[in-house]
Every structure is written in structure tokens, then in C-alpha cells.
Amino acid sequence: METVKNAANYVAETVQGTGAEASKEANKNVAKNDDAKVSTRASAAKDAVVDKKDEFSHNTKADVHKEAAKN
């Protein structure tokens, strides 16, 4: 039963990590957009940094659950 739980958690964390990666890339594009206001660009850059942290966190948790599911 614990293996199933770890496998489900692995999938959930992987999906969340992928979502954070997509958000990060979108924010990076806004931050690079010369047509956007400076405040918008700065906010997007800050959000991209937070998304990168979230992406790393979710991917790390996914790896932990993946290893736990193997045992």
C-alpha cells in the first residue's frame, strides 16, 4: 500500500514540477519583453525565480517518492 502512495505522490510532484517549469518559462518571456512595462518585467522576473525554486522543490520531492516506491 505504501508503494502505491509513493507512486501517486511521485506523479503529483512531477506534475507540479512541470507546471512550475512552464510558469517559470512564461515569466522569463515576459521579463525579456521590451514592450512590457518595467514594473511588469520586474514582477515577472521575481516570479520566475520563485517558480524555479518551486520547480526544484517539486522535482526533488518527486525523486524521493520515486526511490521510496522502488522499495
PDB file of N, CA and C in Angstrom:
ATOM      1  N   MET A   1       0.819  -1.190   0.000  1.00  0.00           N
ATOM      2  CA  MET A   1       0.000   0.000   0.000  1.00  0.00           C
ATOM      3  C   MET A   1       0.864   1.256   0.000  1.00  0.00           C
ATOM      4  N   GLU A   2       1.953   1.217   0.728  1.00  0.00           N
ATOM      5  CA  GLU A   2       2.844   2.373   0.802  1.00  0.00           C
ATOM      6  C   GLU A   2       3.482   2.662  -0.558  1.00  0.00           C
ATOM      7  N   THR A   3       3.759   1.615  -1.330  1.00  0.00           N
ATOM      8  CA  THR A   3       4.341   1.788  -2.663  1.00  0.00           C
ATOM      9  C   THR A   3       3.379   2.539  -3.577  1.00  0.00           C
ATOM     10  N   VAL A   4       2.104   2.213  -3.496  1.00  0.00           N
ATOM     11  CA  VAL A   4       1.093   2.902  -4.305  1.00  0.00           C
ATOM     12  C   VAL A   4       1.011   4.372  -3.913  1.00  0.00           C
ATOM     13  N   LYS A   5       1.059   4.643  -2.632  1.00  0.00           N
ATOM     14  CA  LYS A   5       1.007   6.021  -2.140  1.00  0.00           C
ATOM     15  C   LYS A   5       2.223   6.806  -2.642  1.00  0.00           C
ATOM     16  N   ASN A   6       3.398   6.189  -2.555  1.00  0.00           N
ATOM     17  CA  ASN A   6       4.611   6.862  -3.032  1.00  0.00           C
ATOM     18  C   ASN A   6       4.570   7.086  -4.542  1.00  0.00           C
ATOM     19  N   ALA A   7       4.031   6.140  -5.271  1.00  0.00           N
ATOM     20  CA  ALA A   7       3.915   6.293  -6.727  1.00  0.00           C
ATOM     21  C   ALA A   7       2.957   7.430  -7.063  1.00  0.00           C
ATOM     22  N   ALA A   8       1.850   7.523  -6.348  1.00  0.00           N
ATOM     23  CA  ALA A   8       0.893   8.613  -6.575  1.00  0.00           C
ATOM     24  C   ALA A   8       1.512   9.962  -6.230  1.00  0.00           C
ATOM     25  N   ASN A   9       2.253  10.003  -5.135  1.00  0.00           N
ATOM     26  CA  ASN A   9       2.931  11.244  -4.746  1.00  0.00           C
ATOM     27  C   ASN A   9       3.993  11.634  -5.772  1.00  0.00           C
ATOM     28  N   TYR A  10       4.667  10.648  -6.326  1.00  0.00           N
ATOM     29  CA  TYR A  10       5.661  10.901  -7.372  1.00  0.00           C
ATOM     30  C   TYR A  10       4.996  11.573  -8.574  1.00  0.00           C
ATOM     31  N   VAL A  11       3.875  11.021  -9.002  1.00  0.00           N
ATOM     32  CA  VAL A  11       3.163  11.593 -10.155  1.00  0.00           C
ATOM     33  C   VAL A  11       2.698  13.014  -9.841  1.00  0.00           C
ATOM     34  N   ALA A  12       2.136  13.211  -8.659  1.00  0.00           N
ATOM     35  CA  ALA A  12       1.637  14.535  -8.275  1.00  0.00           C
ATOM     36  C   ALA A  12       2.767  15.560  -8.253  1.00  0.00           C
ATOM     37  N   GLU A  13       3.894  15.206  -7.664  1.00  0.00           N
ATOM     38  CA  GLU A  13       5.026  16.140  -7.587  1.00  0.00           C
ATOM     39  C   GLU A  13       5.617  16.405  -8.969  1.00  0.00           C
ATOM     40  N   THR A  14       5.630  15.393  -9.819  1.00  0.00           N
ATOM     41  CA  THR A  14       6.142  15.574 -11.177  1.00  0.00           C
ATOM     42  C   THR A  14       5.264  16.552 -11.948  1.00  0.00           C
ATOM     43  N   VAL A  15       3.955  16.405 -11.807  1.00  0.00           N
ATOM     44  CA  VAL A  15       3.024  17.316 -12.485  1.00  0.00           C
ATOM     45  C   VAL A  15       3.198  18.745 -11.962  1.00  0.00           C
ATOM     46  N   GLN A  16       3.317  18.889 -10.659  1.00  0.00           N
ATOM     47  CA  GLN A  16       3.504  20.216 -10.077  1.00  0.00           C
ATOM     48  C   GLN A  16       4.837  20.829 -10.513  1.00  0.00           C
ATOM     49  N   GLY A  17       5.875  20.004 -10.605  1.00  0.00           N
ATOM     50  CA  GLY A  17       7.172  20.495 -11.078  1.00  0.00           C
ATOM     51  C   GLY A  17       7.108  20.958 -12.515  1.00  0.00           C
ATOM     52  N   THR A  18       6.370  20.226 -13.331  1.00  0.00           N
ATOM     53  CA  THR A  18       6.199  20.602 -14.738  1.00  0.00           C
ATOM     54  C   THR A  18       5.420  21.909 -14.848  1.00  0.00           C
ATOM     55  N   GLY A  19       4.414  22.067 -14.018  1.00  0.00           N
ATOM     56  CA  GLY A  19       3.642  23.313 -14.005  1.00  0.00           C
ATOM     57  C   GLY A  19       4.497  24.499 -13.592  1.00  0.00           C
ATOM     58  N   ALA A  20       5.336  24.310 -12.596  1.00  0.00           N
ATOM     59  CA  ALA A  20       6.224  25.381 -12.145  1.00  0.00           C
ATOM     60  C   ALA A  20       7.232  25.731 -13.239  1.00  0.00           C
ATOM     61  N   GLU A  21       7.704  24.724 -13.958  1.00  0.00           N
ATOM     62  CA  GLU A  21       8.646  24.973 -15.060  1.00  0.00           C
ATOM     63  C   GLU A  21       7.976  25.789 -16.163  1.00  0.00           C
ATOM     64  N   ALA A  22       6.742  25.448 -16.498  1.00  0.00           N
ATOM     65  CA  ALA A  22       6.016  26.186 -17.538  1.00  0.00           C
ATOM     66  C   ALA A  22       5.784  27.630 -17.104  1.00  0.00           C
ATOM     67  N   SER A  23       5.420  27.824 -15.859  1.00  0.00           N
ATOM     68  CA  SER A  23       5.209  29.167 -15.336  1.00  0.00           C
ATOM     69  C   SER A  23       6.503  29.966 -15.351  1.00  0.00           C
ATOM     70  N   LYS A  24       7.600  29.305 -14.974  1.00  0.00           N
ATOM     71  CA  LYS A  24       8.910  29.963 -14.986  1.00  0.00           C
ATOM     72  C   LYS A  24       9.258  30.455 -16.382  1.00  0.00           C
ATOM     73  N   GLU A  25       9.058  29.599 -17.371  1.00  0.00           N
ATOM     74  CA  GLU A  25       9.387  29.968 -18.759  1.00  0.00           C
ATOM     75  C   GLU A  25       8.511  31.117 -19.240  1.00  0.00           C
ATOM     76  N   ALA A  26       7.224  31.090 -18.892  1.00  0.00           N
ATOM     77  CA  ALA A  26       6.323  32.176 -19.280  1.00  0.00           C
ATOM     78  C   ALA A  26       6.768  33.489 -18.634  1.00  0.00           C
ATOM     79  N   ASN A  27       7.128  33.428 -17.361  1.00  0.00           N
ATOM     80  CA  ASN A  27       7.583  34.636 -16.670  1.00  0.00           C
ATOM     81  C   ASN A  27       8.902  35.146 -17.235  1.00  0.00           C
ATOM     82  N   LYS A  28       9.778  34.232 -17.619  1.00  0.00           N
ATOM     83  CA  LYS A  28      11.041  34.658 -18.238  1.00  0.00           C
ATOM     84  C   LYS A  28      10.780  35.403 -19.540  1.00  0.00           C
ATOM     85  N   ASN A  29       9.811  34.912 -20.314  1.00  0.00           N
ATOM     86  CA  ASN A  29       9.484  35.577 -21.575  1.00  0.00           C
ATOM     87  C   ASN A  29       8.913  36.965 -21.343  1.00  0.00           C
ATOM     88  N   VAL A  30       8.071  37.123 -20.334  1.00  0.00           N
ATOM     89  CA  VAL A  30       7.526  38.441 -20.003  1.00  0.00           C
ATOM     90  C   VAL A  30       8.657  39.358 -19.544  1.00  0.00           C
ATOM     91  N   ALA A  31       9.556  38.835 -18.728  1.00  0.00           N
ATOM     92  CA  ALA A  31      10.667  39.649 -18.214  1.00  0.00           C
ATOM     93  C   ALA A  31      11.580  40.137 -19.334  1.00  0.00           C
ATOM     94  N   LYS A  32      11.658  39.377 -20.415  1.00  0.00           N
ATOM     95  CA  LYS A  32      12.516  39.751 -21.546  1.00  0.00           C
ATOM     96  C   LYS A  32      11.802  40.635 -22.570  1.00  0.00           C
ATOM     97  N   ASN A  33      10.493  40.800 -22.419  1.00  0.00           N
ATOM     98  CA  ASN A  33       9.691  41.535 -23.390  1.00  0.00           C
ATOM     99  C   ASN A  33       9.930  43.042 -23.267  1.00  0.00           C
ATOM    100  N   ASP A  34      10.533  43.625 -24.282  1.00  0.00           N
ATOM    101  CA  ASP A  34      10.833  45.056 -24.263  1.00  0.00           C
ATOM    102  C   ASP A  34       9.576  45.918 -24.336  1.00  0.00           C
ATOM    103  N   ASP A  35       8.459  45.359 -24.769  1.00  0.00           N
ATOM    104  CA  ASP A  35       7.215  46.118 -24.884  1.00  0.00           C
ATOM    105  C   ASP A  35       6.449  46.204 -23.563  1.00  0.00           C
ATOM    106  N   ALA A  36       6.797  45.388 -22.602  1.00  0.00           N
ATOM    107  CA  ALA A  36       6.114  45.388 -21.305  1.00  0.00           C
ATOM    108  C   ALA A  36       6.661  46.503 -20.420  1.00  0.00           C
ATOM    109  N   LYS A  37       5.808  46.962 -19.493  1.00  0.00           N
ATOM    110  CA  LYS A  37       6.245  47.985 -18.547  1.00  0.00           C
ATOM    111  C   LYS A  37       7.357  47.425 -17.654  1.00  0.00           C
ATOM    112  N   VAL A  38       8.193  48.320 -17.170  1.00  0.00           N
ATOM    113  CA  VAL A  38       9.318  47.920 -16.322  1.00  0.00           C
ATOM    114  C   VAL A  38       8.817  47.201 -15.067  1.00  0.00           C
ATOM    115  N   SER A  39       7.739  47.708 -14.473  1.00  0.00           N
ATOM    116  CA  SER A  39       7.222  47.065 -13.262  1.00  0.00           C
ATOM    117  C   SER A  39       6.711  45.654 -13.561  1.00  0.00           C
ATOM    118  N   THR A  40       6.100  45.467 -14.718  1.00  0.00           N
ATOM    119  CA  THR A  40       5.621  44.145 -15.123  1.00  0.00           C
ATOM    120  C   THR A  40       6.792  43.203 -15.341  1.00  0.00           C
ATOM    121  N   ARG A  41       7.818  43.702 -15.995  1.00  0.00           N
ATOM    122  CA  ARG A  41       9.002  42.890 -16.256  1.00  0.00           C
ATOM    123  C   ARG A  41       9.688  42.489 -14.960  1.00  0.00           C
ATOM    124  N   ALA A  42       9.791  43.437 -14.025  1.00  0.00           N
ATOM    125  CA  ALA A  42      10.443  43.151 -12.744  1.00  0.00           C
ATOM    126  C   ALA A  42       9.643  42.116 -11.951  1.00  0.00           C
ATOM    127  N   SER A  43       8.339  42.267 -11.947  1.00  0.00           N
ATOM    128  CA  SER A  43       7.485  41.307 -11.244  1.00  0.00           C
ATOM    129  C   SER A  43       7.600  39.914 -11.861  1.00  0.00           C
ATOM    130  N   ALA A  44       7.628  39.846 -13.187  1.00  0.00           N
ATOM    131  CA  ALA A  44       7.764  38.558 -13.872  1.00  0.00           C
ATOM    132  C   ALA A  44       9.120  37.918 -13.567  1.00  0.00           C
ATOM    133  N   ALA A  45      10.161  38.724 -13.494  1.00  0.00           N
ATOM    134  CA  ALA A  45      11.490  38.194 -13.175  1.00  0.00           C
ATOM    135  C   ALA A  45      11.511  37.607 -11.768  1.00  0.00           C
ATOM    136  N   LYS A  46      10.884  38.330 -10.827  1.00  0.00           N
ATOM    137  CA  LYS A  46      10.802  37.825  -9.449  1.00  0.00           C
ATOM    138  C   LYS A  46      10.005  36.524  -9.413  1.00  0.00           C
ATOM    139  N   ASP A  47       8.889  36.497 -10.127  1.00  0.00           N
ATOM    140  CA  ASP A  47       8.056  35.294 -10.161  1.00  0.00           C
ATOM    141  C   ASP A  47       8.793  34.114 -10.797  1.00  0.00           C
ATOM    142  N   ALA A  48       9.627  34.381 -11.795  1.00  0.00           N
ATOM    143  CA  ALA A  48      10.403  33.316 -12.434  1.00  0.00           C
ATOM    144  C   ALA A  48      11.375  32.683 -11.436  1.00  0.00           C
ATOM    145  N   VAL A  49      11.952  33.506 -10.573  1.00  0.00           N
ATOM    146  CA  VAL A  49      12.871  32.990  -9.549  1.00  0.00           C
ATOM    147  C   VAL A  49      12.113  32.096  -8.566  1.00  0.00           C
ATOM    148  N   VAL A  50      10.929  32.534  -8.148  1.00  0.00           N
ATOM    149  CA  VAL A  50      10.110  31.735  -7.234  1.00  0.00           C
ATOM    150  C   VAL A  50       9.694  30.429  -7.911  1.00  0.00           C
ATOM    151  N   ASP A  51       9.314  30.524  -9.185  1.00  0.00           N
ATOM    152  CA  ASP A  51       8.930  29.313  -9.924  1.00  0.00           C
ATOM    153  C   ASP A  51      10.086  28.337 -10.039  1.00  0.00           C
ATOM    154  N   LYS A  52      11.293  28.837 -10.223  1.00  0.00           N
ATOM    155  CA  LYS A  52      12.468  27.976 -10.313  1.00  0.00           C
ATOM    156  C   LYS A  52      12.678  27.232  -8.999  1.00  0.00           C
ATOM    157  N   LYS A  53      12.492  27.946  -7.884  1.00  0.00           N
ATOM    158  CA  LYS A  53      12.615  27.319  -6.571  1.00  0.00           C
ATOM    159  C   LYS A  53      11.549  26.243  -6.402  1.00  0.00           C
ATOM    160  N   ASP A  54      10.313  26.561  -6.799  1.00  0.00           N
ATOM    161  CA  ASP A  54       9.223  25.589  -6.698  1.00  0.00           C
ATOM    162  C   ASP A  54       9.477  24.374  -7.581  1.00  0.00           C
ATOM    163  N   GLU A  55       9.975  24.619  -8.792  1.00  0.00           N
ATOM    164  CA  GLU A  55      10.291  23.527  -9.713  1.00  0.00           C
ATOM    165  C   GLU A  55      11.314  22.581  -9.089  1.00  0.00           C
ATOM    166  N   PHE A  56      12.375  23.151  -8.532  1.00  0.00           N
ATOM    167  CA  PHE A  56      13.420  22.348  -7.902  1.00  0.00           C
ATOM    168  C   PHE A  56      12.854  21.557  -6.727  1.00  0.00           C
ATOM    169  N   SER A  57      12.038  22.215  -5.909  1.00  0.00           N
ATOM    170  CA  SER A  57      11.448  21.563  -4.740  1.00  0.00           C
ATOM    171  C   SER A  57      10.565  20.384  -5.147  1.00  0.00           C
ATOM    172  N   HIS A  58       9.686  20.598  -6.123  1.00  0.00           N
ATOM    173  CA  HIS A  58       8.788  19.527  -6.560  1.00  0.00           C
ATOM    174  C   HIS A  58       9.564  18.377  -7.197  1.00  0.00           C
ATOM    175  N   ASN A  59      10.560  18.708  -7.996  1.00  0.00           N
ATOM    176  CA  ASN A  59      11.349  17.648  -8.640  1.00  0.00           C
ATOM    177  C   ASN A  59      12.138  16.842  -7.616  1.00  0.00           C
ATOM    178  N   THR A  60      12.630  17.503  -6.582  1.00  0.00           N
ATOM    179  CA  THR A  60      13.349  16.802  -5.519  1.00  0.00           C
ATOM    180  C   THR A  60      12.405  15.866  -4.764  1.00  0.00           C
ATOM    181  N   LYS A  61      11.216  16.377  -4.442  1.00  0.00           N
ATOM    182  CA  LYS A  61      10.233  15.543  -3.749  1.00  0.00           C
ATOM    183  C   LYS A  61       9.812  14.365  -4.626  1.00  0.00           C
ATOM    184  N   ALA A  62       9.665  14.606  -5.919  1.00  0.00           N
ATOM    185  CA  ALA A  62       9.289  13.529  -6.837  1.00  0.00           C
ATOM    186  C   ALA A  62      10.353  12.430  -6.836  1.00  0.00           C
ATOM    187  N   ASP A  63      11.623  12.841  -6.839  1.00  0.00           N
ATOM    188  CA  ASP A  63      12.711  11.864  -6.806  1.00  0.00           C
ATOM    189  C   ASP A  63      12.685  11.031  -5.525  1.00  0.00           C
ATOM    190  N   VAL A  64      12.390  11.684  -4.411  1.00  0.00           N
ATOM    191  CA  VAL A  64      12.321  10.979  -3.125  1.00  0.00           C
ATOM    192  C   VAL A  64      11.185   9.955  -3.153  1.00  0.00           C
ATOM    193  N   HIS A  65      10.029  10.354  -3.658  1.00  0.00           N
ATOM    194  CA  HIS A  65       8.894   9.433  -3.730  1.00  0.00           C
ATOM    195  C   HIS A  65       9.172   8.284  -4.715  1.00  0.00           C
ATOM    196  N   LYS A  66       9.861   8.590  -5.784  1.00  0.00           N
ATOM    197  CA  LYS A  66      10.200   7.553  -6.773  1.00  0.00           C
ATOM    198  C   LYS A  66      11.100   6.498  -6.139  1.00  0.00           C
ATOM    199  N   GLU A  67      12.097   6.943  -5.412  1.00  0.00           N
ATOM    200  CA  GLU A  67      13.001   5.998  -4.742  1.00  0.00           C
ATOM    201  C   GLU A  67      12.268   5.201  -3.670  1.00  0.00           C
ATOM    202  N   ALA A  68      11.383   5.857  -2.949  1.00  0.00           N
ATOM    203  CA  ALA A  68      10.634   5.152  -1.900  1.00  0.00           C
ATOM    204  C   ALA A  68       9.694   4.120  -2.502  1.00  0.00           C
ATOM    205  N   ALA A  69       9.168   4.400  -3.680  1.00  0.00           N
ATOM    206  CA  ALA A  69       8.253   3.467  -4.330  1.00  0.00           C
ATOM    207  C   ALA A  69       8.980   2.212  -4.804  1.00  0.00           C
ATOM    208  N   LYS A  70      10.265   2.322  -5.057  1.00  0.00           N
ATOM    209  CA  LYS A  70      11.053   1.177  -5.518  1.00  0.00           C
ATOM    210  C   LYS A  70      11.258   0.149  -4.406  1.00  0.00           C
ATOM    211  N   ASN A  71      11.202   0.596  -3.172  1.00  0.00           N
ATOM    212  CA  ASN A  71      11.494  -0.294  -2.046  1.00  0.00           C
ATOM    213  C   ASN A  71      10.277  -0.981  -1.498  1.00  0.00           C
TER     214      ASN A  71
END
